[in-house]
PDB file of N, CA and C in Angstrom:
ATOM      1  N   MET A   1      19.508  -4.904 -15.378  1.00  0.00           N
ATOM      2  CA  MET A   1      19.046  -3.660 -14.813  1.00  0.00           C
ATOM      3  C   MET A   1      18.374  -3.951 -13.470  1.00  0.00           C
ATOM      4  N   GLN A   2      18.664  -3.093 -12.482  1.00  0.00           N
ATOM      5  CA  GLN A   2      18.122  -3.280 -11.145  1.00  0.00           C
ATOM      6  C   GLN A   2      16.688  -2.765 -11.062  1.00  0.00           C
ATOM      7  N   LYS A   3      15.824  -3.517 -10.412  1.00  0.00           N
ATOM      8  CA  LYS A   3      14.427  -3.143 -10.260  1.00  0.00           C
ATOM      9  C   LYS A   3      14.299  -2.037  -9.212  1.00  0.00           C
ATOM     10  N   ARG A   4      13.536  -0.997  -9.515  1.00  0.00           N
ATOM     11  CA  ARG A   4      13.329   0.099  -8.568  1.00  0.00           C
ATOM     12  C   ARG A   4      12.470  -0.356  -7.404  1.00  0.00           C
ATOM     13  N   LYS A   5      12.784   0.174  -6.242  1.00  0.00           N
ATOM     14  CA  LYS A   5      11.984  -0.118  -5.055  1.00  0.00           C
ATOM     15  C   LYS A   5      10.740   0.753  -5.053  1.00  0.00           C
ATOM     16  N   LYS A   6       9.675   0.217  -4.474  1.00  0.00           N
ATOM     17  CA  LYS A   6       8.398   0.926  -4.408  1.00  0.00           C
ATOM     18  C   LYS A   6       8.319   1.728  -3.117  1.00  0.00           C
ATOM     19  N   LEU A   7       7.514   2.789  -3.122  1.00  0.00           N
ATOM     20  CA  LEU A   7       7.218   3.534  -1.906  1.00  0.00           C
ATOM     21  C   LEU A   7       6.106   2.799  -1.163  1.00  0.00           C
ATOM     22  N   PRO A   8       6.220   2.689   0.163  1.00  0.00           N
ATOM     23  CA  PRO A   8       5.228   1.940   0.935  1.00  0.00           C
ATOM     24  C   PRO A   8       3.968   2.748   1.245  1.00  0.00           C
ATOM     25  N   ILE A   9       3.353   3.298   0.229  1.00  0.00           N
ATOM     26  CA  ILE A   9       2.154   4.118   0.412  1.00  0.00           C
ATOM     27  C   ILE A   9       1.001   3.227   0.861  1.00  0.00           C
ATOM     28  N   GLY A  10       0.390   3.585   1.974  1.00  0.00           N
ATOM     29  CA  GLY A  10      -0.742   2.840   2.504  1.00  0.00           C
ATOM     30  C   GLY A  10      -0.358   1.696   3.423  1.00  0.00           C
ATOM     31  N   LYS A  11       0.927   1.396   3.548  1.00  0.00           N
ATOM     32  CA  LYS A  11       1.363   0.327   4.448  1.00  0.00           C
ATOM     33  C   LYS A  11       1.430   0.881   5.860  1.00  0.00           C
ATOM     34  N   GLN A  12       0.887   0.145   6.817  1.00  0.00           N
ATOM     35  CA  GLN A  12       0.779   0.645   8.173  1.00  0.00           C
ATOM     36  C   GLN A  12       1.747   0.003   9.151  1.00  0.00           C
ATOM     37  N   THR A  13       2.330  -1.131   8.794  1.00  0.00           N
ATOM     38  CA  THR A  13       3.200  -1.816   9.741  1.00  0.00           C
ATOM     39  C   THR A  13       4.624  -1.894   9.209  1.00  0.00           C
ATOM     40  N   PHE A  14       5.555  -1.816  10.141  1.00  0.00           N
ATOM     41  CA  PHE A  14       6.964  -1.918   9.795  1.00  0.00           C
ATOM     42  C   PHE A  14       7.257  -3.283   9.165  1.00  0.00           C
ATOM     43  N   ARG A  15       6.591  -4.297   9.636  1.00  0.00           N
ATOM     44  CA  ARG A  15       6.786  -5.650   9.109  1.00  0.00           C
ATOM     45  C   ARG A  15       6.451  -5.710   7.612  1.00  0.00           C
ATOM     46  N   ASP A  16       5.357  -5.082   7.211  1.00  0.00           N
ATOM     47  CA  ASP A  16       4.987  -5.058   5.794  1.00  0.00           C
ATOM     48  C   ASP A  16       6.014  -4.303   4.954  1.00  0.00           C
ATOM     49  N   ILE A  17       6.480  -3.186   5.480  1.00  0.00           N
ATOM     50  CA  ILE A  17       7.435  -2.363   4.740  1.00  0.00           C
ATOM     51  C   ILE A  17       8.764  -3.088   4.556  1.00  0.00           C
ATOM     52  N   ARG A  18       9.217  -3.811   5.577  1.00  0.00           N
ATOM     53  CA  ARG A  18      10.519  -4.470   5.528  1.00  0.00           C
ATOM     54  C   ARG A  18      10.488  -5.847   4.850  1.00  0.00           C
ATOM     55  N   ASP A  19       9.325  -6.304   4.402  1.00  0.00           N
ATOM     56  CA  ASP A  19       9.199  -7.605   3.752  1.00  0.00           C
ATOM     57  C   ASP A  19      10.001  -7.601   2.442  1.00  0.00           C
ATOM     58  N   PRO A  20      11.049  -8.433   2.324  1.00  0.00           N
ATOM     59  CA  PRO A  20      11.897  -8.417   1.121  1.00  0.00           C
ATOM     60  C   PRO A  20      11.147  -8.796  -0.155  1.00  0.00           C
ATOM     61  N   LYS A  21      10.077  -9.538  -0.046  1.00  0.00           N
ATOM     62  CA  LYS A  21       9.310  -9.910  -1.238  1.00  0.00           C
ATOM     63  C   LYS A  21       8.571  -8.718  -1.841  1.00  0.00           C
ATOM     64  N   GLU A  22       8.260  -7.733  -1.007  1.00  0.00           N
ATOM     65  CA  GLU A  22       7.506  -6.570  -1.482  1.00  0.00           C
ATOM     66  C   GLU A  22       8.381  -5.517  -2.149  1.00  0.00           C
ATOM     67  N   ASN A  23       9.680  -5.477  -1.832  1.00  0.00           N
ATOM     68  CA  ASN A  23      10.644  -4.565  -2.461  1.00  0.00           C
ATOM     69  C   ASN A  23      10.319  -3.087  -2.227  1.00  0.00           C
ATOM     70  N   TYR A  24       9.985  -2.741  -0.979  1.00  0.00           N
ATOM     71  CA  TYR A  24       9.726  -1.349  -0.629  1.00  0.00           C
ATOM     72  C   TYR A  24      11.009  -0.669  -0.162  1.00  0.00           C
ATOM     73  N   VAL A  25      11.083   0.632  -0.359  1.00  0.00           N
ATOM     74  CA  VAL A  25      12.192   1.424   0.159  1.00  0.00           C
ATOM     75  C   VAL A  25      11.763   1.952   1.532  1.00  0.00           C
ATOM     76  N   TYR A  26      12.703   1.976   2.488  1.00  0.00           N
ATOM     77  CA  TYR A  26      12.415   2.500   3.823  1.00  0.00           C
ATOM     78  C   TYR A  26      13.459   3.544   4.172  1.00  0.00           C
ATOM     79  N   ILE A  27      13.007   4.718   4.568  1.00  0.00           N
ATOM     80  CA  ILE A  27      13.908   5.799   4.967  1.00  0.00           C
ATOM     81  C   ILE A  27      13.550   6.190   6.389  1.00  0.00           C
ATOM     82  N   ASP A  28      14.482   5.989   7.306  1.00  0.00           N
ATOM     83  CA  ASP A  28      14.245   6.296   8.713  1.00  0.00           C
ATOM     84  C   ASP A  28      14.470   7.793   8.957  1.00  0.00           C
ATOM     85  N   LYS A  29      13.428   8.484   9.367  1.00  0.00           N
ATOM     86  CA  LYS A  29      13.502   9.921   9.625  1.00  0.00           C
ATOM     87  C   LYS A  29      13.404  10.233  11.109  1.00  0.00           C
ATOM     88  N   THR A  30      13.651   9.232  11.952  1.00  0.00           N
ATOM     89  CA  THR A  30      13.536   9.413  13.394  1.00  0.00           C
ATOM     90  C   THR A  30      14.452  10.528  13.893  1.00  0.00           C
ATOM     91  N   ARG A  31      15.705  10.523  13.469  1.00  0.00           N
ATOM     92  CA  ARG A  31      16.664  11.539  13.920  1.00  0.00           C
ATOM     93  C   ARG A  31      16.197  12.937  13.515  1.00  0.00           C
ATOM     94  N   ASP A  32      15.691  13.083  12.292  1.00  0.00           N
ATOM     95  CA  ASP A  32      15.211  14.382  11.842  1.00  0.00           C
ATOM     96  C   ASP A  32      14.038  14.867  12.694  1.00  0.00           C
ATOM     97  N   ALA A  33      13.112  13.964  13.013  1.00  0.00           N
ATOM     98  CA  ALA A  33      11.959  14.328  13.841  1.00  0.00           C
ATOM     99  C   ALA A  33      12.409  14.749  15.243  1.00  0.00           C
ATOM    100  N   LEU A  34      13.337  14.001  15.812  1.00  0.00           N
ATOM    101  CA  LEU A  34      13.839  14.351  17.145  1.00  0.00           C
ATOM    102  C   LEU A  34      14.557  15.694  17.140  1.00  0.00           C
ATOM    103  N   ASN A  35      15.328  15.956  16.104  1.00  0.00           N
ATOM    104  CA  ASN A  35      16.008  17.249  16.002  1.00  0.00           C
ATOM    105  C   ASN A  35      15.013  18.396  15.932  1.00  0.00           C
ATOM    106  N   MET A  36      13.927  18.225  15.200  1.00  0.00           N
ATOM    107  CA  MET A  36      12.915  19.282  15.108  1.00  0.00           C
ATOM    108  C   MET A  36      12.236  19.502  16.455  1.00  0.00           C
ATOM    109  N   ILE A  37      11.978  18.419  17.183  1.00  0.00           N
ATOM    110  CA  ILE A  37      11.343  18.538  18.500  1.00  0.00           C
ATOM    111  C   ILE A  37      12.272  19.241  19.479  1.00  0.00           C
ATOM    112  N   GLU A  38      13.532  18.839  19.489  1.00  0.00           N
ATOM    113  CA  GLU A  38      14.493  19.428  20.427  1.00  0.00           C
ATOM    114  C   GLU A  38      14.798  20.878  20.116  1.00  0.00           C
ATOM    115  N   ASP A  39      14.838  21.228  18.821  1.00  0.00           N
ATOM    116  CA  ASP A  39      15.143  22.600  18.421  1.00  0.00           C
ATOM    117  C   ASP A  39      13.933  23.518  18.501  1.00  0.00           C
ATOM    118  N   GLY A  40      12.754  22.940  18.680  1.00  0.00           N
ATOM    119  CA  GLY A  40      11.541  23.740  18.700  1.00  0.00           C
ATOM    120  C   GLY A  40      11.189  24.282  17.333  1.00  0.00           C
ATOM    121  N   SER A  41      11.614  23.594  16.282  1.00  0.00           N
ATOM    122  CA  SER A  41      11.347  24.043  14.918  1.00  0.00           C
ATOM    123  C   SER A  41       9.857  23.995  14.607  1.00  0.00           C
ATOM    124  N   ASN A  42       9.441  24.881  13.762  1.00  0.00           N
ATOM    125  CA  ASN A  42       8.040  24.943  13.361  1.00  0.00           C
ATOM    126  C   ASN A  42       7.884  24.440  11.922  1.00  0.00           C
ATOM    127  N   TYR A  43       8.353  23.250  11.665  1.00  0.00           N
ATOM    128  CA  TYR A  43       8.228  22.665  10.335  1.00  0.00           C
ATOM    129  C   TYR A  43       7.021  21.751  10.314  1.00  0.00           C
ATOM    130  N   TYR A  44       6.405  21.674   9.166  1.00  0.00           N
ATOM    131  CA  TYR A  44       5.240  20.804   8.994  1.00  0.00           C
ATOM    132  C   TYR A  44       5.496  19.894   7.806  1.00  0.00           C
ATOM    133  N   PHE A  45       5.072  18.654   7.911  1.00  0.00           N
ATOM    134  CA  PHE A  45       5.194  17.717   6.813  1.00  0.00           C
ATOM    135  C   PHE A  45       3.951  17.826   5.953  1.00  0.00           C
ATOM    136  N   LEU A  46       4.137  18.067   4.679  1.00  0.00           N
ATOM    137  CA  LEU A  46       3.023  18.183   3.757  1.00  0.00           C
ATOM    138  C   LEU A  46       2.976  16.940   2.887  1.00  0.00           C
ATOM    139  N   SER A  47       1.809  16.457   2.637  1.00  0.00           N
ATOM    140  CA  SER A  47       1.638  15.296   1.783  1.00  0.00           C
ATOM    141  C   SER A  47       1.132  15.755   0.433  1.00  0.00           C
ATOM    142  N   CYS A  48       1.732  15.221  -0.607  1.00  0.00           N
ATOM    143  CA  CYS A  48       1.323  15.563  -1.972  1.00  0.00           C
ATOM    144  C   CYS A  48       0.451  14.467  -2.560  1.00  0.00           C
ATOM    145  N   PHE A  49      -0.020  13.547  -1.740  1.00  0.00           N
ATOM    146  CA  PHE A  49      -0.791  12.420  -2.257  1.00  0.00           C
ATOM    147  C   PHE A  49      -2.264  12.650  -2.076  1.00  0.00           C
TER     148      PHE A  49
END
């Protein structure tokens, strides 16, 4: 069975997130952020933590 990847909650550096020993999942949302800026969208990111 494959081990689930952890969310990088509290990690501040890309280096920490990409460390293979830590087994974090990384999702790049750069394109989504740029699309919202260019479209003038009024979306807000809400944190449930």
